[in-house]
Amino acid sequence: MGGVLIKLYSLLSLVFALAGSILFIASVLYLPNLYLFISFPLVILGFMFSMIAISKNEASKLRFAGIFILLLLILFVLIGIPFIFVGFGF
């Protein structure tokens, strides 16, 4: 039972980080700002579940997946958003 709960944390981190990242990117590109306010708590929950999975020494390969997705989101913010604003002339 304990192993299932530990793997559940890394799965939750992956799901929440991925959902938050997709909503954030979609809200930056074309969705209303409501999705932006929904995406931040999802990203934070994904990061928290990833930290729980790492602190419990989970044997799953997914334990760093939430952090990897969050790092990709940070790269999108730093690189992608300036190109979007320059491309559309905002």
PDB file of N, CA and C in Angstrom:
ATOM      1  N   MET A   1       0.824  -1.200   0.000  1.00  0.00           N
ATOM      2  CA  MET A   1       0.000   0.000   0.000  1.00  0.00           C
ATOM      3  C   MET A   1       0.866   1.259   0.000  1.00  0.00           C
ATOM      4  N   GLY A   2       1.977   1.224   0.740  1.00  0.00           N
ATOM      5  CA  GLY A   2       2.833   2.402   0.810  1.00  0.00           C
ATOM      6  C   GLY A   2       3.480   2.723  -0.522  1.00  0.00           C
ATOM      7  N   GLY A   3       3.852   1.672  -1.287  1.00  0.00           N
ATOM      8  CA  GLY A   3       4.458   1.902  -2.584  1.00  0.00           C
ATOM      9  C   GLY A   3       3.500   2.532  -3.571  1.00  0.00           C
ATOM     10  N   VAL A   4       2.235   2.145  -3.463  1.00  0.00           N
ATOM     11  CA  VAL A   4       1.230   2.720  -4.356  1.00  0.00           C
ATOM     12  C   VAL A   4       1.030   4.201  -4.055  1.00  0.00           C
ATOM     13  N   LEU A   5       1.013   4.570  -2.781  1.00  0.00           N
ATOM     14  CA  LEU A   5       0.842   5.976  -2.421  1.00  0.00           C
ATOM     15  C   LEU A   5       2.033   6.816  -2.847  1.00  0.00           C
ATOM     16  N   ILE A   6       3.223   6.243  -2.738  1.00  0.00           N
ATOM     17  CA  ILE A   6       4.407   7.000  -3.132  1.00  0.00           C
ATOM     18  C   ILE A   6       4.393   7.240  -4.638  1.00  0.00           C
ATOM     19  N   LYS A   7       4.028   6.229  -5.434  1.00  0.00           N
ATOM     20  CA  LYS A   7       3.960   6.429  -6.877  1.00  0.00           C
ATOM     21  C   LYS A   7       2.812   7.356  -7.254  1.00  0.00           C
ATOM     22  N   LEU A   8       1.822   7.422  -6.400  1.00  0.00           N
ATOM     23  CA  LEU A   8       0.703   8.323  -6.642  1.00  0.00           C
ATOM     24  C   LEU A   8       1.152   9.783  -6.588  1.00  0.00           C
ATOM     25  N   TYR A   9       2.091  10.106  -5.703  1.00  0.00           N
ATOM     26  CA  TYR A   9       2.579  11.484  -5.605  1.00  0.00           C
ATOM     27  C   TYR A   9       3.275  11.927  -6.888  1.00  0.00           C
ATOM     28  N   SER A  10       4.086  11.054  -7.472  1.00  0.00           N
ATOM     29  CA  SER A  10       4.768  11.460  -8.700  1.00  0.00           C
ATOM     30  C   SER A  10       3.792  11.547  -9.859  1.00  0.00           C
ATOM     31  N   LEU A  11       2.783  10.677  -9.876  1.00  0.00           N
ATOM     32  CA  LEU A  11       1.768  10.777 -10.915  1.00  0.00           C
ATOM     33  C   LEU A  11       0.965  12.066 -10.770  1.00  0.00           C
ATOM     34  N   LEU A  12       0.617  12.427  -9.540  1.00  0.00           N
ATOM     35  CA  LEU A  12      -0.105  13.680  -9.311  1.00  0.00           C
ATOM     36  C   LEU A  12       0.744  14.886  -9.691  1.00  0.00           C
ATOM     37  N   SER A  13       2.040  14.829  -9.405  1.00  0.00           N
ATOM     38  CA  SER A  13       2.902  15.951  -9.781  1.00  0.00           C
ATOM     39  C   SER A  13       2.965  16.102 -11.288  1.00  0.00           C
ATOM     40  N   LEU A  14       3.035  14.979 -11.984  1.00  0.00           N
ATOM     41  CA  LEU A  14       3.075  15.039 -13.441  1.00  0.00           C
ATOM     42  C   LEU A  14       1.773  15.593 -14.004  1.00  0.00           C
ATOM     43  N   VAL A  15       0.648  15.122 -13.484  1.00  0.00           N
ATOM     44  CA  VAL A  15      -0.657  15.557 -14.000  1.00  0.00           C
ATOM     45  C   VAL A  15      -0.899  17.037 -13.725  1.00  0.00           C
ATOM     46  N   PHE A  16      -0.659  17.476 -12.486  1.00  0.00           N
ATOM     47  CA  PHE A  16      -0.921  18.875 -12.151  1.00  0.00           C
ATOM     48  C   PHE A  16       0.041  19.821 -12.865  1.00  0.00           C
ATOM     49  N   ALA A  17       1.312  19.444 -12.959  1.00  0.00           N
ATOM     50  CA  ALA A  17       2.274  20.310 -13.642  1.00  0.00           C
ATOM     51  C   ALA A  17       1.963  20.393 -15.130  1.00  0.00           C
ATOM     52  N   LEU A  18       1.581  19.271 -15.721  1.00  0.00           N
ATOM     53  CA  LEU A  18       1.265  19.278 -17.143  1.00  0.00           C
ATOM     54  C   LEU A  18      -0.009  20.070 -17.427  1.00  0.00           C
ATOM     55  N   ALA A  19      -1.035  19.878 -16.610  1.00  0.00           N
ATOM     56  CA  ALA A  19      -2.287  20.621 -16.811  1.00  0.00           C
ATOM     57  C   ALA A  19      -2.079  22.118 -16.596  1.00  0.00           C
ATOM     58  N   GLY A  20      -1.335  22.479 -15.554  1.00  0.00           N
ATOM     59  CA  GLY A  20      -1.066  23.892 -15.305  1.00  0.00           C
ATOM     60  C   GLY A  20      -0.239  24.527 -16.400  1.00  0.00           C
ATOM     61  N   SER A  21       0.737  23.787 -16.916  1.00  0.00           N
ATOM     62  CA  SER A  21       1.574  24.328 -17.984  1.00  0.00           C
ATOM     63  C   SER A  21       0.784  24.518 -19.266  1.00  0.00           C
ATOM     64  N   ILE A  22      -0.050  23.542 -19.596  1.00  0.00           N
ATOM     65  CA  ILE A  22      -0.853  23.665 -20.813  1.00  0.00           C
ATOM     66  C   ILE A  22      -1.830  24.829 -20.702  1.00  0.00           C
ATOM     67  N   LEU A  23      -2.476  24.972 -19.546  1.00  0.00           N
ATOM     68  CA  LEU A  23      -3.403  26.094 -19.369  1.00  0.00           C
ATOM     69  C   LEU A  23      -2.676  27.435 -19.390  1.00  0.00           C
ATOM     70  N   PHE A  24      -1.465  27.480 -18.825  1.00  0.00           N
ATOM     71  CA  PHE A  24      -0.707  28.730 -18.832  1.00  0.00           C
ATOM     72  C   PHE A  24      -0.324  29.123 -20.253  1.00  0.00           C
ATOM     73  N   ILE A  25       0.195  28.168 -21.018  1.00  0.00           N
ATOM     74  CA  ILE A  25       0.593  28.465 -22.393  1.00  0.00           C
ATOM     75  C   ILE A  25      -0.621  28.848 -23.230  1.00  0.00           C
ATOM     76  N   ALA A  26      -1.731  28.136 -23.030  1.00  0.00           N
ATOM     77  CA  ALA A  26      -2.945  28.458 -23.782  1.00  0.00           C
ATOM     78  C   ALA A  26      -3.486  29.832 -23.401  1.00  0.00           C
ATOM     79  N   SER A  27      -3.396  30.191 -22.127  1.00  0.00           N
ATOM     80  CA  SER A  27      -3.902  31.504 -21.721  1.00  0.00           C
ATOM     81  C   SER A  27      -3.015  32.624 -22.234  1.00  0.00           C
ATOM     82  N   VAL A  28      -1.718  32.367 -22.339  1.00  0.00           N
ATOM     83  CA  VAL A  28      -0.831  33.386 -22.906  1.00  0.00           C
ATOM     84  C   VAL A  28      -1.113  33.556 -24.393  1.00  0.00           C
ATOM     85  N   LEU A  29      -1.387  32.461 -25.082  1.00  0.00           N
ATOM     86  CA  LEU A  29      -1.573  32.551 -26.527  1.00  0.00           C
ATOM     87  C   LEU A  29      -2.944  33.074 -26.924  1.00  0.00           C
ATOM     88  N   TYR A  30      -4.028  32.468 -26.391  1.00  0.00           N
ATOM     89  CA  TYR A  30      -5.323  32.922 -26.901  1.00  0.00           C
ATOM     90  C   TYR A  30      -6.507  32.771 -25.968  1.00  0.00           C
ATOM     91  N   LEU A  31      -6.379  32.194 -24.817  1.00  0.00           N
ATOM     92  CA  LEU A  31      -7.531  32.030 -23.929  1.00  0.00           C
ATOM     93  C   LEU A  31      -7.660  33.219 -22.976  1.00  0.00           C
ATOM     94  N   PRO A  32      -8.835  33.401 -22.361  1.00  0.00           N
ATOM     95  CA  PRO A  32      -9.001  34.516 -21.417  1.00  0.00           C
ATOM     96  C   PRO A  32      -8.139  34.370 -20.164  1.00  0.00           C
ATOM     97  N   ASN A  33      -8.045  35.434 -19.415  1.00  0.00           N
ATOM     98  CA  ASN A  33      -7.185  35.450 -18.234  1.00  0.00           C
ATOM     99  C   ASN A  33      -7.681  34.571 -17.104  1.00  0.00           C
ATOM    100  N   LEU A  34      -8.912  34.101 -17.172  1.00  0.00           N
ATOM    101  CA  LEU A  34      -9.419  33.195 -16.145  1.00  0.00           C
ATOM    102  C   LEU A  34      -8.573  31.930 -16.073  1.00  0.00           C
ATOM    103  N   TYR A  35      -8.152  31.434 -17.228  1.00  0.00           N
ATOM    104  CA  TYR A  35      -7.322  30.239 -17.243  1.00  0.00           C
ATOM    105  C   TYR A  35      -5.945  30.507 -16.660  1.00  0.00           C
ATOM    106  N   LEU A  36      -5.493  31.740 -16.733  1.00  0.00           N
ATOM    107  CA  LEU A  36      -4.213  32.094 -16.129  1.00  0.00           C
ATOM    108  C   LEU A  36      -4.282  31.964 -14.616  1.00  0.00           C
ATOM    109  N   PHE A  37      -5.407  32.375 -14.029  1.00  0.00           N
ATOM    110  CA  PHE A  37      -5.560  32.258 -12.581  1.00  0.00           C
ATOM    111  C   PHE A  37      -5.775  30.818 -12.145  1.00  0.00           C
ATOM    112  N   ILE A  38      -6.288  29.973 -13.021  1.00  0.00           N
ATOM    113  CA  ILE A  38      -6.434  28.556 -12.703  1.00  0.00           C
ATOM    114  C   ILE A  38      -5.100  27.835 -12.848  1.00  0.00           C
ATOM    115  N   SER A  39      -4.271  28.270 -13.792  1.00  0.00           N
ATOM    116  CA  SER A  39      -3.034  27.547 -14.071  1.00  0.00           C
ATOM    117  C   SER A  39      -1.995  27.703 -12.965  1.00  0.00           C
ATOM    118  N   PHE A  40      -1.944  28.849 -12.293  1.00  0.00           N
ATOM    119  CA  PHE A  40      -0.943  29.032 -11.244  1.00  0.00           C
ATOM    120  C   PHE A  40      -1.115  28.072 -10.071  1.00  0.00           C
ATOM    121  N   PRO A  41      -2.332  27.882  -9.535  1.00  0.00           N
ATOM    122  CA  PRO A  41      -2.459  26.881  -8.463  1.00  0.00           C
ATOM    123  C   PRO A  41      -2.143  25.465  -8.923  1.00  0.00           C
ATOM    124  N   LEU A  42      -2.457  25.140 -10.181  1.00  0.00           N
ATOM    125  CA  LEU A  42      -2.130  23.807 -10.681  1.00  0.00           C
ATOM    126  C   LEU A  42      -0.628  23.597 -10.762  1.00  0.00           C
ATOM    127  N   VAL A  43       0.092  24.609 -11.215  1.00  0.00           N
ATOM    128  CA  VAL A  43       1.552  24.506 -11.291  1.00  0.00           C
ATOM    129  C   VAL A  43       2.151  24.385  -9.893  1.00  0.00           C
ATOM    130  N   ILE A  44       1.633  25.151  -8.948  1.00  0.00           N
ATOM    131  CA  ILE A  44       2.137  25.080  -7.573  1.00  0.00           C
ATOM    132  C   ILE A  44       1.843  23.721  -6.960  1.00  0.00           C
ATOM    133  N   LEU A  45       0.654  23.169  -7.207  1.00  0.00           N
ATOM    134  CA  LEU A  45       0.335  21.827  -6.713  1.00  0.00           C
ATOM    135  C   LEU A  45       1.244  20.774  -7.336  1.00  0.00           C
ATOM    136  N   GLY A  46       1.525  20.902  -8.623  1.00  0.00           N
ATOM    137  CA  GLY A  46       2.445  19.972  -9.271  1.00  0.00           C
ATOM    138  C   GLY A  46       3.827  20.026  -8.660  1.00  0.00           C
ATOM    139  N   PHE A  47       4.295  21.232  -8.354  1.00  0.00           N
ATOM    140  CA  PHE A  47       5.605  21.379  -7.721  1.00  0.00           C
ATOM    141  C   PHE A  47       5.602  20.788  -6.312  1.00  0.00           C
ATOM    142  N   MET A  48       4.522  20.992  -5.572  1.00  0.00           N
ATOM    143  CA  MET A  48       4.443  20.448  -4.209  1.00  0.00           C
ATOM    144  C   MET A  48       4.422  18.922  -4.221  1.00  0.00           C
ATOM    145  N   PHE A  49       3.637  18.321  -5.107  1.00  0.00           N
ATOM    146  CA  PHE A  49       3.599  16.863  -5.178  1.00  0.00           C
ATOM    147  C   PHE A  49       4.935  16.293  -5.638  1.00  0.00           C
ATOM    148  N   SER A  50       5.636  17.013  -6.496  1.00  0.00           N
ATOM    149  CA  SER A  50       6.958  16.564  -6.923  1.00  0.00           C
ATOM    150  C   SER A  50       7.947  16.600  -5.768  1.00  0.00           C
ATOM    151  N   MET A  51       7.875  17.630  -4.943  1.00  0.00           N
ATOM    152  CA  MET A  51       8.748  17.697  -3.772  1.00  0.00           C
ATOM    153  C   MET A  51       8.426  16.580  -2.773  1.00  0.00           C
ATOM    154  N   ILE A  52       7.151  16.246  -2.615  1.00  0.00           N
ATOM    155  CA  ILE A  52       6.773  15.145  -1.723  1.00  0.00           C
ATOM    156  C   ILE A  52       7.321  13.831  -2.259  1.00  0.00           C
ATOM    157  N   ALA A  53       7.221  13.617  -3.571  1.00  0.00           N
ATOM    158  CA  ALA A  53       7.725  12.382  -4.169  1.00  0.00           C
ATOM    159  C   ALA A  53       9.232  12.270  -4.011  1.00  0.00           C
ATOM    160  N   ILE A  54       9.944  13.378  -4.147  1.00  0.00           N
ATOM    161  CA  ILE A  54      11.400  13.345  -3.990  1.00  0.00           C
ATOM    162  C   ILE A  54      11.774  13.118  -2.530  1.00  0.00           C
ATOM    163  N   SER A  55      11.047  13.736  -1.608  1.00  0.00           N
ATOM    164  CA  SER A  55      11.389  13.579  -0.189  1.00  0.00           C
ATOM    165  C   SER A  55      11.101  12.174   0.320  1.00  0.00           C
ATOM    166  N   LYS A  56      10.189  11.458  -0.321  1.00  0.00           N
ATOM    167  CA  LYS A  56       9.892  10.095   0.093  1.00  0.00           C
ATOM    168  C   LYS A  56      10.776   9.080  -0.626  1.00  0.00           C
ATOM    169  N   ASN A  57      11.780   9.531  -1.354  1.00  0.00           N
ATOM    170  CA  ASN A  57      12.707   8.670  -2.090  1.00  0.00           C
ATOM    171  C   ASN A  57      11.969   7.680  -2.982  1.00  0.00           C
ATOM    172  N   GLU A  58      11.123   8.200  -3.796  1.00  0.00           N
ATOM    173  CA  GLU A  58      10.325   7.358  -4.675  1.00  0.00           C
ATOM    174  C   GLU A  58      11.201   6.711  -5.736  1.00  0.00           C
ATOM    175  N   ALA A  59      10.942   5.449  -6.016  1.00  0.00           N
ATOM    176  CA  ALA A  59      11.749   4.709  -6.980  1.00  0.00           C
ATOM    177  C   ALA A  59      11.287   4.925  -8.417  1.00  0.00           C
ATOM    178  N   SER A  60      10.204   5.622  -8.607  1.00  0.00           N
ATOM    179  CA  SER A  60       9.646   5.817  -9.943  1.00  0.00           C
ATOM    180  C   SER A  60      10.479   6.812 -10.740  1.00  0.00           C
ATOM    181  N   LYS A  61      10.462   6.635 -12.046  1.00  0.00           N
ATOM    182  CA  LYS A  61      11.170   7.569 -12.919  1.00  0.00           C
ATOM    183  C   LYS A  61      10.404   8.875 -13.094  1.00  0.00           C
ATOM    184  N   LEU A  62       9.160   8.888 -12.666  1.00  0.00           N
ATOM    185  CA  LEU A  62       8.330  10.079 -12.828  1.00  0.00           C
ATOM    186  C   LEU A  62       8.559  11.126 -11.752  1.00  0.00           C
ATOM    187  N   ARG A  63       9.385  10.841 -10.765  1.00  0.00           N
ATOM    188  CA  ARG A  63       9.464  11.781  -9.643  1.00  0.00           C
ATOM    189  C   ARG A  63      10.062  13.122 -10.043  1.00  0.00           C
ATOM    190  N   PHE A  64      10.883  13.150 -11.068  1.00  0.00           N
ATOM    191  CA  PHE A  64      11.443  14.417 -11.535  1.00  0.00           C
ATOM    192  C   PHE A  64      10.679  14.983 -12.729  1.00  0.00           C
ATOM    193  N   ALA A  65       9.621  14.291 -13.165  1.00  0.00           N
ATOM    194  CA  ALA A  65       8.885  14.738 -14.354  1.00  0.00           C
ATOM    195  C   ALA A  65       8.172  16.061 -14.106  1.00  0.00           C
ATOM    196  N   GLY A  66       7.605  16.232 -12.905  1.00  0.00           N
ATOM    197  CA  GLY A  66       6.924  17.486 -12.601  1.00  0.00           C
ATOM    198  C   GLY A  66       7.872  18.668 -12.618  1.00  0.00           C
ATOM    199  N   ILE A  67       9.070  18.475 -12.059  1.00  0.00           N
ATOM    200  CA  ILE A  67      10.057  19.561 -12.063  1.00  0.00           C
ATOM    201  C   ILE A  67      10.553  19.829 -13.480  1.00  0.00           C
ATOM    202  N   PHE A  68      10.716  18.774 -14.285  1.00  0.00           N
ATOM    203  CA  PHE A  68      11.160  18.952 -15.665  1.00  0.00           C
ATOM    204  C   PHE A  68      10.138  19.750 -16.465  1.00  0.00           C
ATOM    205  N   ILE A  69       8.853  19.456 -16.273  1.00  0.00           N
ATOM    206  CA  ILE A  69       7.808  20.212 -16.974  1.00  0.00           C
ATOM    207  C   ILE A  69       7.805  21.668 -16.519  1.00  0.00           C
ATOM    208  N   LEU A  70       8.013  21.895 -15.225  1.00  0.00           N
ATOM    209  CA  LEU A  70       8.056  23.271 -14.726  1.00  0.00           C
ATOM    210  C   LEU A  70       9.261  24.027 -15.276  1.00  0.00           C
ATOM    211  N   LEU A  71      10.394  23.342 -15.438  1.00  0.00           N
ATOM    212  CA  LEU A  71      11.553  23.993 -16.051  1.00  0.00           C
ATOM    213  C   LEU A  71      11.289  24.333 -17.516  1.00  0.00           C
ATOM    214  N   LEU A  72      10.586  23.451 -18.222  1.00  0.00           N
ATOM    215  CA  LEU A  72      10.210  23.770 -19.598  1.00  0.00           C
ATOM    216  C   LEU A  72       9.266  24.964 -19.654  1.00  0.00           C
ATOM    217  N   LEU A  73       8.375  25.066 -18.668  1.00  0.00           N
ATOM    218  CA  LEU A  73       7.470  26.215 -18.607  1.00  0.00           C
ATOM    219  C   LEU A  73       8.247  27.507 -18.366  1.00  0.00           C
ATOM    220  N   ILE A  74       9.254  27.451 -17.508  1.00  0.00           N
ATOM    221  CA  ILE A  74      10.084  28.630 -17.263  1.00  0.00           C
ATOM    222  C   ILE A  74      10.835  29.027 -18.530  1.00  0.00           C
ATOM    223  N   LEU A  75      11.341  28.031 -19.272  1.00  0.00           N
ATOM    224  CA  LEU A  75      12.003  28.344 -20.539  1.00  0.00           C
ATOM    225  C   LEU A  75      11.030  28.970 -21.535  1.00  0.00           C
ATOM    226  N   PHE A  76       9.786  28.492 -21.543  1.00  0.00           N
ATOM    227  CA  PHE A  76       8.787  29.103 -22.427  1.00  0.00           C
ATOM    228  C   PHE A  76       8.539  30.549 -22.046  1.00  0.00           C
ATOM    229  N   VAL A  77       8.464  30.813 -20.750  1.00  0.00           N
ATOM    230  CA  VAL A  77       8.220  32.183 -20.297  1.00  0.00           C
ATOM    231  C   VAL A  77       9.390  33.084 -20.669  1.00  0.00           C
ATOM    232  N   LEU A  78      10.603  32.599 -20.489  1.00  0.00           N
ATOM    233  CA  LEU A  78      11.773  33.438 -20.748  1.00  0.00           C
ATOM    234  C   LEU A  78      12.064  33.622 -22.233  1.00  0.00           C
ATOM    235  N   ILE A  79      11.795  32.594 -23.032  1.00  0.00           N
ATOM    236  CA  ILE A  79      12.153  32.655 -24.450  1.00  0.00           C
ATOM    237  C   ILE A  79      10.936  32.891 -25.336  1.00  0.00           C
ATOM    238  N   GLY A  80       9.852  32.171 -25.082  1.00  0.00           N
ATOM    239  CA  GLY A  80       8.709  32.203 -25.990  1.00  0.00           C
ATOM    240  C   GLY A  80       7.882  33.463 -25.928  1.00  0.00           C
ATOM    241  N   ILE A  81       7.613  33.954 -24.741  1.00  0.00           N
ATOM    242  CA  ILE A  81       6.732  35.115 -24.601  1.00  0.00           C
ATOM    243  C   ILE A  81       7.319  36.378 -25.239  1.00  0.00           C
ATOM    244  N   PRO A  82       8.613  36.679 -25.078  1.00  0.00           N
ATOM    245  CA  PRO A  82       9.133  37.862 -25.794  1.00  0.00           C
ATOM    246  C   PRO A  82       9.006  37.750 -27.310  1.00  0.00           C
ATOM    247  N   PHE A  83       9.201  36.536 -27.864  1.00  0.00           N
ATOM    248  CA  PHE A  83       9.040  36.371 -29.308  1.00  0.00           C
ATOM    249  C   PHE A  83       7.592  36.545 -29.737  1.00  0.00           C
ATOM    250  N   ILE A  84       6.654  36.107 -28.897  1.00  0.00           N
ATOM    251  CA  ILE A  84       5.235  36.282 -29.216  1.00  0.00           C
ATOM    252  C   ILE A  84       4.879  37.767 -29.234  1.00  0.00           C
ATOM    253  N   PHE A  85       5.343  38.512 -28.223  1.00  0.00           N
ATOM    254  CA  PHE A  85       5.017  39.936 -28.165  1.00  0.00           C
ATOM    255  C   PHE A  85       5.690  40.715 -29.287  1.00  0.00           C
ATOM    256  N   VAL A  86       6.911  40.349 -29.634  1.00  0.00           N
ATOM    257  CA  VAL A  86       7.592  41.030 -30.736  1.00  0.00           C
ATOM    258  C   VAL A  86       6.933  40.664 -32.062  1.00  0.00           C
ATOM    259  N   GLY A  87       6.546  39.396 -32.204  1.00  0.00           N
ATOM    260  CA  GLY A  87       5.935  38.954 -33.458  1.00  0.00           C
ATOM    261  C   GLY A  87       4.584  39.589 -33.720  1.00  0.00           C
ATOM    262  N   PHE A  88       3.789  39.776 -32.675  1.00  0.00           N
ATOM    263  CA  PHE A  88       2.472  40.372 -32.852  1.00  0.00           C
ATOM    264  C   PHE A  88       2.482  41.883 -32.654  1.00  0.00           C
ATOM    265  N   GLY A  89       3.605  42.444 -32.287  1.00  0.00           N
ATOM    266  CA  GLY A  89       3.731  43.889 -32.177  1.00  0.00           C
ATOM    267  C   GLY A  89       3.034  44.508 -30.983  1.00  0.00           C
ATOM    268  N   PHE A  90       2.993  43.813 -29.861  1.00  0.00           N
ATOM    269  CA  PHE A  90       2.359  44.370 -28.653  1.00  0.00           C
ATOM    270  C   PHE A  90       3.267  45.376 -28.005  1.00  0.00           C
TER     271      PHE A  90
END
